[in-house]
Amino acid sequence: MLHTTVLNSTMLDSKGTIALFDQYVIGNYTRYPVSLVRGSGSEIWDAEGKRYVDFFPGWGCGLFGHCPKPIVEAVQKQVAQLIHVPNTWYTELQGTWAKLLSERSFDGKAFFCNSGAEANEAAIKLVRLHSSATSPSGRYKIVTFQGSFHGRTMGALSATAQPKHHEGVHPMLAGFTYVPYGNLSAVENAIDHETAAILIEPIQGEGGVRMPPEGFLQGLRKICDERNLLLVFDEVQTGCGRMGHWFGYQYFNIVPDIITLAKSVCGGLPGAAMLAKTEVATSLRPGTHAATYGGNPISAAAGIAVIRMIESEGLLARTQKISELFFTALNRLAQESNLVQEVRGGGVMIGIELAIEGAPFVKACMDRGLLMNCTQGNILRLLPAMTIEESIATEGLEILTDVLKKG
């Protein structure tokens, strides 16, 4: 017998939504018992009307916070005109988006897809395609780093050098060599005649907001140049302005051959890109890779609006100002609290290393109306919006400071 549900405008409370999930949604996420229903900027409300300051909007996707007006307007306009066409035809939007990204990076070419994992899958495939086309030995191996995180698909997961994420889904894809983050000698020793590339997050995000040692990224560039390897930057978190520059590689003054983008590249909508230097990009030939929804008109309209919003509102400079506000307050907190071991990061990508487990503090802050994240057990991770109002940032920092001081 076919059962149907009558849709109406009645909004469930949090308990009702949780019950709905318990019955119909696979429980592969650990969720807080809160149903969020509305957001604006760096504020968000749950089904009971409770307001939260959001220091982690959209898991890093909300670089402009929730529902930024230019993105909303661009999507609303586009969705009434053209929602989707396959990549067997051209659209001006996708070409324009690629041009804007290229002009702000290293004048390369773009491949569009839907998520960070997909962008990294494309990069892995491009590395192998390019190496097979340019090297008679058929190089294919990629060096990655302990503590890295590149996505949940099998190729990206195989590149992720964290055994906890591999449990139960072996075997991993062959061809990845894991080395300690920050150790140039280990990188040198890991390279052999089958090595094609080095893949790295310029700042490890899920790995604990770990910053590269001084000169490390420059050392990787030198190794790649000397060994004829490709240097790939996973900029899923550091890209699109989070570091106060268009891309994280510019923050470190080092130019890779390929970068991958997602999260904030479409202002919170699903969308991702791989940018490659032109001489490398040509190896991704027709028939070698695809993404059905990649670069679709909705995502392209949002991606274009992201770039224009950053420029028209001076948000790169604003990011540096907001960054100073956060780091000043948090470094002061580190001096006043024995719980805080280190504050690190750059731009609006911030890690607070605690002496003990961080999850209870995330819960305590949520109860007080502040949302953030904990990673690697004891690292509080903040990815606030570059548009956050100073008064709201201060409000959230006061909650966080009070919670940590009380221990």
Protein backbone atom coordinates (compact mmCIF):
# COMPACT_ATOMS: atom_id res chain seq x y z
CA MET A 1 0.00 0.00 0.00
CA LEU A 2 1.34 3.42 -0.96
CA HIS A 3 1.55 5.87 1.89
CA THR A 4 1.79 9.58 1.25
CA THR A 5 2.65 12.49 3.52
CA VAL A 6 0.59 15.66 3.27
CA LEU A 7 2.92 18.65 3.17
CA ASN A 8 1.91 21.72 5.14
CA SER A 9 3.49 24.81 6.62
CA THR A 10 3.58 23.51 10.20
CA MET A 11 7.16 23.55 11.47
CA LEU A 12 8.31 20.71 13.67
CA ASP A 13 10.12 21.42 16.92
CA SER A 14 13.61 19.98 17.38
CA LYS A 15 12.31 16.79 18.99
CA GLY A 16 9.92 16.23 16.10
CA THR A 17 12.66 16.67 13.51
CA ILE A 18 14.99 14.35 15.42
CA ALA A 19 12.26 11.71 15.49
CA LEU A 20 11.85 12.10 11.72
CA PHE A 21 15.59 11.55 11.24
CA ASP A 22 15.64 8.55 13.56
CA GLN A 23 13.07 6.85 11.37
CA TYR A 24 14.11 7.86 7.87
CA VAL A 25 17.72 9.17 7.73
CA ILE A 26 20.83 6.97 7.93
CA GLY A 27 22.63 7.81 11.15
CA ASN A 28 26.14 8.27 9.80
CA TYR A 29 26.57 11.70 11.39
CA THR A 30 26.95 12.60 15.04
CA ARG A 31 24.44 15.41 15.43
CA TYR A 32 23.64 17.81 18.25
CA PRO A 33 19.99 17.64 19.37
CA VAL A 34 19.11 20.95 17.74
CA SER A 35 17.14 21.65 14.57
CA LEU A 36 18.31 24.83 12.83
CA VAL A 37 15.73 26.63 10.73
CA ARG A 38 16.90 30.14 9.82
CA GLY A 39 20.15 32.03 9.46
CA SER A 40 21.33 35.55 8.69
CA GLY A 41 24.97 36.54 8.60
CA SER A 42 26.72 35.11 11.64
CA GLU A 43 23.49 34.43 13.51
CA ILE A 44 21.30 31.34 13.31
CA TRP A 45 18.09 30.23 15.05
CA ASP A 46 16.72 26.83 16.01
CA ALA A 47 13.15 25.55 15.83
CA GLU A 48 12.46 26.83 19.34
CA GLY A 49 13.59 30.34 18.42
CA LYS A 50 16.90 30.23 20.28
CA ARG A 51 19.57 32.43 18.68
CA TYR A 52 23.18 31.36 18.25
CA VAL A 53 26.33 33.21 17.26
CA ASP A 54 27.91 31.01 14.58
CA PHE A 55 31.71 30.78 14.56
CA PHE A 56 31.58 27.76 12.22
CA PRO A 57 28.93 28.59 9.61
CA GLY A 58 28.25 25.78 7.18
CA TRP A 59 31.28 23.76 8.33
CA GLY A 60 33.47 26.37 6.66
CA CYS A 61 31.23 26.80 3.62
CA GLY A 62 29.67 29.98 4.99
CA LEU A 63 32.57 32.37 4.52
CA PHE A 64 29.96 35.15 4.23
CA GLY A 65 27.77 33.69 6.95
CA HIS A 66 24.22 32.55 6.30
CA CYS A 67 22.16 33.70 3.31
CA PRO A 68 24.41 36.53 2.06
CA LYS A 69 22.22 38.87 0.04
CA PRO A 70 24.30 39.03 -3.20
CA ILE A 71 24.45 35.23 -3.38
CA VAL A 72 20.75 34.84 -2.63
CA GLU A 73 19.80 37.37 -5.30
CA ALA A 74 22.09 35.83 -7.93
CA VAL A 75 20.68 32.35 -7.30
CA GLN A 76 17.06 33.53 -7.22
CA LYS A 77 17.52 35.26 -10.55
CA GLN A 78 19.30 32.32 -12.16
CA VAL A 79 16.97 29.58 -10.91
CA ALA A 80 14.10 31.20 -12.82
CA GLN A 81 16.12 31.37 -16.03
CA LEU A 82 18.12 28.13 -16.35
CA ILE A 83 18.72 25.50 -13.66
CA HIS A 84 20.84 22.87 -15.35
CA VAL A 85 22.31 21.93 -18.70
CA PRO A 86 24.90 19.18 -19.25
CA ASN A 87 28.48 19.96 -20.11
CA THR A 88 27.93 18.89 -23.71
CA TRP A 89 26.86 22.50 -24.27
CA TYR A 90 28.40 25.85 -23.39
CA THR A 91 27.12 28.38 -20.90
CA GLU A 92 28.50 31.88 -20.58
CA LEU A 93 28.24 31.69 -16.79
CA GLN A 94 30.66 28.78 -16.48
CA GLY A 95 33.17 30.43 -18.80
CA THR A 96 32.95 33.72 -16.92
CA TRP A 97 33.39 31.97 -13.56
CA ALA A 98 36.50 30.18 -14.82
CA LYS A 99 37.91 33.46 -16.17
CA LEU A 100 37.40 35.25 -12.85
CA LEU A 101 39.09 32.45 -10.90
CA SER A 102 41.97 32.26 -13.37
CA GLU A 103 42.62 35.99 -13.29
CA ARG A 104 42.88 35.92 -9.50
CA SER A 105 45.13 32.88 -9.35
CA PHE A 106 47.94 31.73 -11.66
CA ASP A 107 46.22 32.19 -15.04
CA GLY A 108 45.35 28.51 -15.37
CA LYS A 109 42.21 26.66 -16.36
CA ALA A 110 39.30 25.34 -14.29
CA PHE A 111 37.45 22.05 -13.99
CA PHE A 112 34.18 22.33 -12.06
CA CYS A 113 32.57 19.74 -9.81
CA ASN A 114 30.48 19.64 -6.63
CA SER A 115 32.56 19.06 -3.50
CA GLY A 116 36.05 19.15 -2.07
CA ALA A 117 36.38 15.39 -2.34
CA GLU A 118 35.44 15.57 -6.03
CA ALA A 119 37.93 18.36 -6.66
CA ASN A 120 40.67 16.29 -5.03
CA GLU A 121 39.64 13.22 -7.03
CA ALA A 122 40.01 15.33 -10.18
CA ALA A 123 43.45 16.49 -9.06
CA ILE A 124 44.59 12.93 -8.36
CA LYS A 125 43.41 11.82 -11.78
CA LEU A 126 45.00 14.83 -13.49
CA VAL A 127 48.33 14.08 -11.80
CA ARG A 128 48.27 10.54 -13.16
CA LEU A 129 47.07 11.55 -16.62
CA HIS A 130 49.70 14.27 -16.92
CA SER A 131 52.49 12.05 -15.65
CA SER A 132 51.56 9.21 -17.96
CA ALA A 133 51.53 11.63 -20.89
CA THR A 134 54.84 13.31 -20.04
CA SER A 135 56.87 10.56 -18.38
CA PRO A 136 57.88 7.33 -20.15
CA SER A 137 58.19 5.57 -16.78
CA GLY A 138 54.48 5.98 -16.01
CA ARG A 139 54.81 7.73 -12.65
CA TYR A 140 51.70 7.69 -10.49
CA LYS A 141 52.56 7.95 -6.77
CA ILE A 142 51.60 10.98 -4.68
CA VAL A 143 53.21 12.04 -1.40
CA THR A 144 50.71 13.22 1.24
CA PHE A 145 51.05 14.13 4.90
CA GLN A 146 50.13 12.65 8.25
CA GLY A 147 47.13 14.46 9.72
CA SER A 148 45.83 15.44 6.29
CA PHE A 149 42.21 15.26 5.21
CA HIS A 150 41.25 15.29 1.53
CA GLY A 151 37.72 13.85 1.46
CA ARG A 152 35.57 10.75 1.90
CA THR A 153 35.56 9.27 -1.61
CA MET A 154 37.95 6.36 -2.01
CA GLY A 155 40.69 8.21 -3.90
CA ALA A 156 40.57 11.26 -1.63
CA LEU A 157 40.31 8.99 1.42
CA SER A 158 43.36 7.04 0.28
CA ALA A 159 45.24 10.35 0.06
CA THR A 160 44.13 11.16 3.63
CA ALA A 161 46.92 10.05 5.97
CA GLN A 162 44.75 9.37 9.01
CA PRO A 163 44.27 5.64 9.73
CA LYS A 164 41.10 6.27 11.76
CA HIS A 165 39.31 7.27 8.56
CA HIS A 166 40.40 4.06 6.82
CA GLU A 167 38.92 1.67 9.36
CA GLY A 168 36.54 -0.85 7.85
CA VAL A 169 36.91 0.26 4.22
CA HIS A 170 40.25 -1.25 3.20
CA PRO A 171 41.97 -1.71 0.85
CA MET A 172 42.91 1.86 0.08
CA LEU A 173 43.77 2.98 -3.45
CA ALA A 174 47.43 2.22 -4.14
CA GLY A 175 49.95 4.93 -4.86
CA PHE A 176 49.98 7.20 -1.81
CA THR A 177 53.03 7.64 0.41
CA TYR A 178 52.47 9.22 3.83
CA VAL A 179 55.13 11.35 5.50
CA PRO A 180 55.24 13.55 8.62
CA TYR A 181 53.87 17.04 8.10
CA GLY A 182 56.64 19.63 8.08
CA ASN A 183 59.54 17.21 7.49
CA LEU A 184 61.38 17.97 4.25
CA SER A 185 63.89 15.15 4.74
CA ALA A 186 61.05 12.64 5.01
CA VAL A 187 59.61 14.00 1.78
CA GLU A 188 62.95 13.63 0.00
CA ASN A 189 63.30 10.06 1.24
CA ALA A 190 59.75 9.15 0.17
CA ILE A 191 60.26 10.13 -3.47
CA ASP A 192 61.20 7.41 -5.94
CA HIS A 193 61.13 6.94 -9.72
CA GLU A 194 57.35 6.35 -9.59
CA THR A 195 56.50 9.56 -7.69
CA ALA A 196 54.47 12.10 -9.68
CA ALA A 197 53.33 14.74 -7.20
CA ILE A 198 53.07 16.13 -3.69
CA LEU A 199 49.58 16.89 -2.35
CA ILE A 200 49.21 19.10 0.72
CA GLU A 201 46.83 21.39 2.57
CA PRO A 202 48.80 24.62 3.10
CA ILE A 203 47.17 24.65 6.54
CA GLN A 204 45.83 21.35 7.83
CA GLY A 205 42.19 21.92 8.78
CA GLU A 206 40.61 18.76 10.12
CA GLY A 207 44.12 17.78 11.20
CA GLY A 208 44.07 20.49 13.86
CA VAL A 209 44.66 23.84 12.10
CA ARG A 210 48.32 22.95 11.84
CA MET A 211 50.54 25.62 10.30
CA PRO A 212 53.48 24.69 8.07
CA PRO A 213 56.93 25.29 9.55
CA GLU A 214 58.70 28.31 8.12
CA GLY A 215 60.16 27.49 4.72
CA PHE A 216 58.41 24.12 4.45
CA LEU A 217 56.08 24.95 1.57
CA GLN A 218 58.89 26.73 -0.24
CA GLY A 219 60.99 23.61 0.28
CA LEU A 220 58.29 21.48 -1.31
CA ARG A 221 58.20 23.79 -4.33
CA LYS A 222 61.97 23.44 -4.67
CA ILE A 223 61.78 19.64 -4.45
CA CYS A 224 59.05 19.53 -7.09
CA ASP A 225 61.04 21.75 -9.42
CA GLU A 226 64.19 19.67 -9.00
CA ARG A 227 62.42 16.30 -9.35
CA ASN A 228 59.93 17.36 -12.05
CA LEU A 229 56.94 16.70 -9.78
CA LEU A 230 53.60 18.48 -9.59
CA LEU A 231 52.76 20.44 -6.44
CA VAL A 232 49.07 20.24 -5.55
CA PHE A 233 47.48 22.44 -2.87
CA ASP A 234 44.21 21.29 -1.32
CA GLU A 235 42.64 24.71 -0.71
CA VAL A 236 39.16 23.47 0.15
CA GLN A 237 39.39 25.39 3.44
CA THR A 238 42.06 28.02 2.79
CA GLY A 239 40.76 29.23 -0.59
CA CYS A 240 38.39 31.99 -1.66
CA GLY A 241 39.54 34.65 0.78
CA ARG A 242 39.68 32.88 4.14
CA MET A 243 43.34 33.83 4.58
CA GLY A 244 42.83 37.46 3.60
CA HIS A 245 44.11 36.62 0.11
CA TRP A 246 42.24 35.08 -2.77
CA PHE A 247 43.97 31.78 -2.14
CA GLY A 248 46.05 30.29 0.64
CA TYR A 249 49.10 29.82 -1.57
CA GLN A 250 49.28 33.61 -1.91
CA TYR A 251 49.32 33.93 1.89
CA PHE A 252 52.51 31.83 1.88
CA ASN A 253 53.93 33.38 -1.32
CA ILE A 254 54.33 30.03 -3.07
CA VAL A 255 52.74 28.98 -6.37
CA PRO A 256 51.55 25.36 -6.83
CA ASP A 257 50.69 23.68 -10.13
CA ILE A 258 47.17 22.67 -9.13
CA ILE A 259 44.76 23.91 -6.45
CA THR A 260 41.43 22.49 -5.36
CA LEU A 261 38.57 24.66 -4.09
CA ALA A 262 35.18 23.97 -2.51
CA LYS A 263 33.27 24.98 0.64
CA SER A 264 33.04 28.77 0.30
CA VAL A 265 33.66 28.96 -3.47
CA CYS A 266 29.89 29.17 -4.06
CA GLY A 267 28.97 31.05 -0.90
CA GLY A 268 27.51 27.98 0.77
CA LEU A 269 25.94 26.26 -2.23
CA PRO A 270 27.35 22.95 -3.50
CA GLY A 271 30.18 23.73 -5.86
CA ALA A 272 33.89 23.08 -6.30
CA ALA A 273 36.72 23.64 -8.72
CA MET A 274 40.15 22.38 -9.61
CA LEU A 275 42.46 25.00 -11.10
CA ALA A 276 45.55 23.85 -12.97
CA LYS A 277 48.33 25.59 -14.83
CA THR A 278 47.54 25.53 -18.53
CA GLU A 279 50.38 23.20 -19.47
CA VAL A 280 49.09 20.69 -16.90
CA ALA A 281 45.37 21.21 -17.53
CA THR A 282 45.64 20.02 -21.13
CA SER A 283 46.15 16.46 -19.89
CA LEU A 284 42.51 16.32 -18.76
CA ARG A 285 41.21 15.49 -22.23
CA PRO A 286 37.63 14.73 -23.36
CA GLY A 287 36.48 11.42 -21.96
CA THR A 288 39.02 11.28 -19.12
CA HIS A 289 36.89 12.89 -16.40
CA ALA A 290 33.50 14.52 -15.79
CA ALA A 291 31.02 15.81 -13.23
CA THR A 292 27.37 15.87 -14.29
CA TYR A 293 26.45 18.91 -12.21
CA GLY A 294 29.87 20.53 -12.32
CA GLY A 295 29.75 24.22 -13.20
CA ASN A 296 25.95 24.19 -13.50
CA PRO A 297 24.26 27.58 -13.96
CA ILE A 298 23.15 27.87 -10.31
CA SER A 299 26.60 27.16 -8.89
CA ALA A 300 28.28 29.33 -11.53
CA ALA A 301 25.98 32.25 -10.76
CA ALA A 302 26.77 31.85 -7.06
CA GLY A 303 30.52 31.52 -7.73
CA ILE A 304 30.56 34.71 -9.78
CA ALA A 305 28.58 36.52 -7.08
CA VAL A 306 31.11 35.37 -4.46
CA ILE A 307 34.00 36.98 -6.34
CA ARG A 308 32.10 40.18 -7.02
CA MET A 309 30.93 40.41 -3.40
CA ILE A 310 34.48 40.02 -2.09
CA GLU A 311 35.72 42.80 -4.36
CA SER A 312 32.80 45.22 -4.09
CA GLU A 313 32.75 45.02 -0.27
CA GLY A 314 36.52 44.95 0.26
CA LEU A 315 36.31 41.66 2.12
CA LEU A 316 39.93 40.58 1.75
CA ALA A 317 41.03 43.60 3.76
CA ARG A 318 38.14 43.08 6.16
CA THR A 319 39.25 39.50 6.75
CA GLN A 320 42.59 40.76 7.99
CA LYS A 321 40.82 43.16 10.37
CA ILE A 322 38.51 40.44 11.71
CA SER A 323 41.49 38.10 12.03
CA GLU A 324 43.28 40.65 14.21
CA LEU A 325 40.21 40.97 16.43
CA PHE A 326 40.01 37.21 16.98
CA PHE A 327 43.70 36.58 17.50
CA THR A 328 44.10 39.52 19.88
CA ALA A 329 41.26 38.25 22.07
CA LEU A 330 42.33 34.61 21.90
CA ASN A 331 46.02 35.30 22.59
CA ARG A 332 44.93 37.28 25.63
CA LEU A 333 42.83 34.31 26.70
CA ALA A 334 45.83 32.01 26.28
CA GLN A 335 47.76 34.15 28.74
CA GLU A 336 44.93 34.04 31.25
CA SER A 337 43.89 30.38 31.01
CA ASN A 338 46.03 27.32 31.67
CA LEU A 339 43.64 25.32 29.49
CA VAL A 340 44.80 27.06 26.31
CA GLN A 341 48.10 25.66 25.06
CA GLU A 342 48.32 27.47 21.74
CA VAL A 343 46.34 29.70 19.39
CA ARG A 344 47.25 29.27 15.74
CA GLY A 345 46.07 29.79 12.18
CA GLY A 346 45.71 32.71 9.84
CA GLY A 347 42.96 34.92 8.44
CA VAL A 348 39.65 33.57 9.70
CA MET A 349 40.93 30.00 10.09
CA ILE A 350 41.70 29.56 13.78
CA GLY A 351 42.69 26.67 16.02
CA ILE A 352 42.77 26.73 19.81
CA GLU A 353 44.73 23.83 21.28
CA LEU A 354 43.53 22.85 24.74
CA ALA A 355 45.26 20.85 27.45
CA ILE A 356 42.21 18.57 27.70
CA GLU A 357 39.36 17.28 25.53
CA GLY A 358 37.49 20.01 23.71
CA ALA A 359 34.05 18.46 23.14
CA PRO A 360 32.63 19.50 26.55
CA PHE A 361 33.53 23.10 25.82
CA VAL A 362 31.82 22.97 22.43
CA LYS A 363 28.68 21.71 24.22
CA ALA A 364 28.95 24.37 26.94
CA CYS A 365 29.33 27.12 24.34
CA MET A 366 26.36 25.78 22.38
CA ASP A 367 24.25 25.89 25.52
CA ARG A 368 25.28 29.53 25.90
CA GLY A 369 24.43 30.33 22.27
CA LEU A 370 27.77 29.94 20.46
CA LEU A 371 28.47 27.38 17.73
CA MET A 372 31.96 26.10 16.88
CA ASN A 373 33.78 22.82 16.22
CA CYS A 374 36.26 20.48 17.88
CA THR A 375 38.75 18.42 15.88
CA GLN A 376 41.53 16.00 16.80
CA GLY A 377 40.10 15.69 20.30
CA ASN A 378 41.45 18.86 21.85
CA ILE A 379 41.50 21.51 19.10
CA LEU A 380 38.68 24.04 19.06
CA ARG A 381 38.28 25.08 15.43
CA LEU A 382 36.79 28.44 14.46
CA LEU A 383 35.98 29.34 10.86
CA PRO A 384 34.05 32.60 11.33
CA ALA A 385 32.60 34.54 8.44
CA MET A 386 34.76 37.26 6.90
CA THR A 387 31.64 39.44 7.10
CA ILE A 388 30.97 38.95 10.81
CA GLU A 389 30.02 42.15 12.61
CA GLU A 390 32.53 43.17 15.24
CA SER A 391 29.83 43.34 17.91
CA ILE A 392 28.73 39.77 17.17
CA ALA A 393 32.34 38.56 17.06
CA THR A 394 32.95 40.18 20.44
CA GLU A 395 29.78 38.62 21.86
CA GLY A 396 30.89 35.15 20.78
CA LEU A 397 34.45 35.66 22.02
CA GLU A 398 33.12 36.72 25.42
CA ILE A 399 31.07 33.49 25.65
CA LEU A 400 34.08 31.39 24.64
CA THR A 401 36.37 33.20 27.07
CA ASP A 402 33.95 32.77 29.95
CA VAL A 403 33.40 29.07 29.24
CA LEU A 404 37.14 28.32 29.02
CA LYS A 405 37.98 30.34 32.13
CA LYS A 406 35.40 28.41 34.12
CA GLY A 407 36.96 25.19 32.85
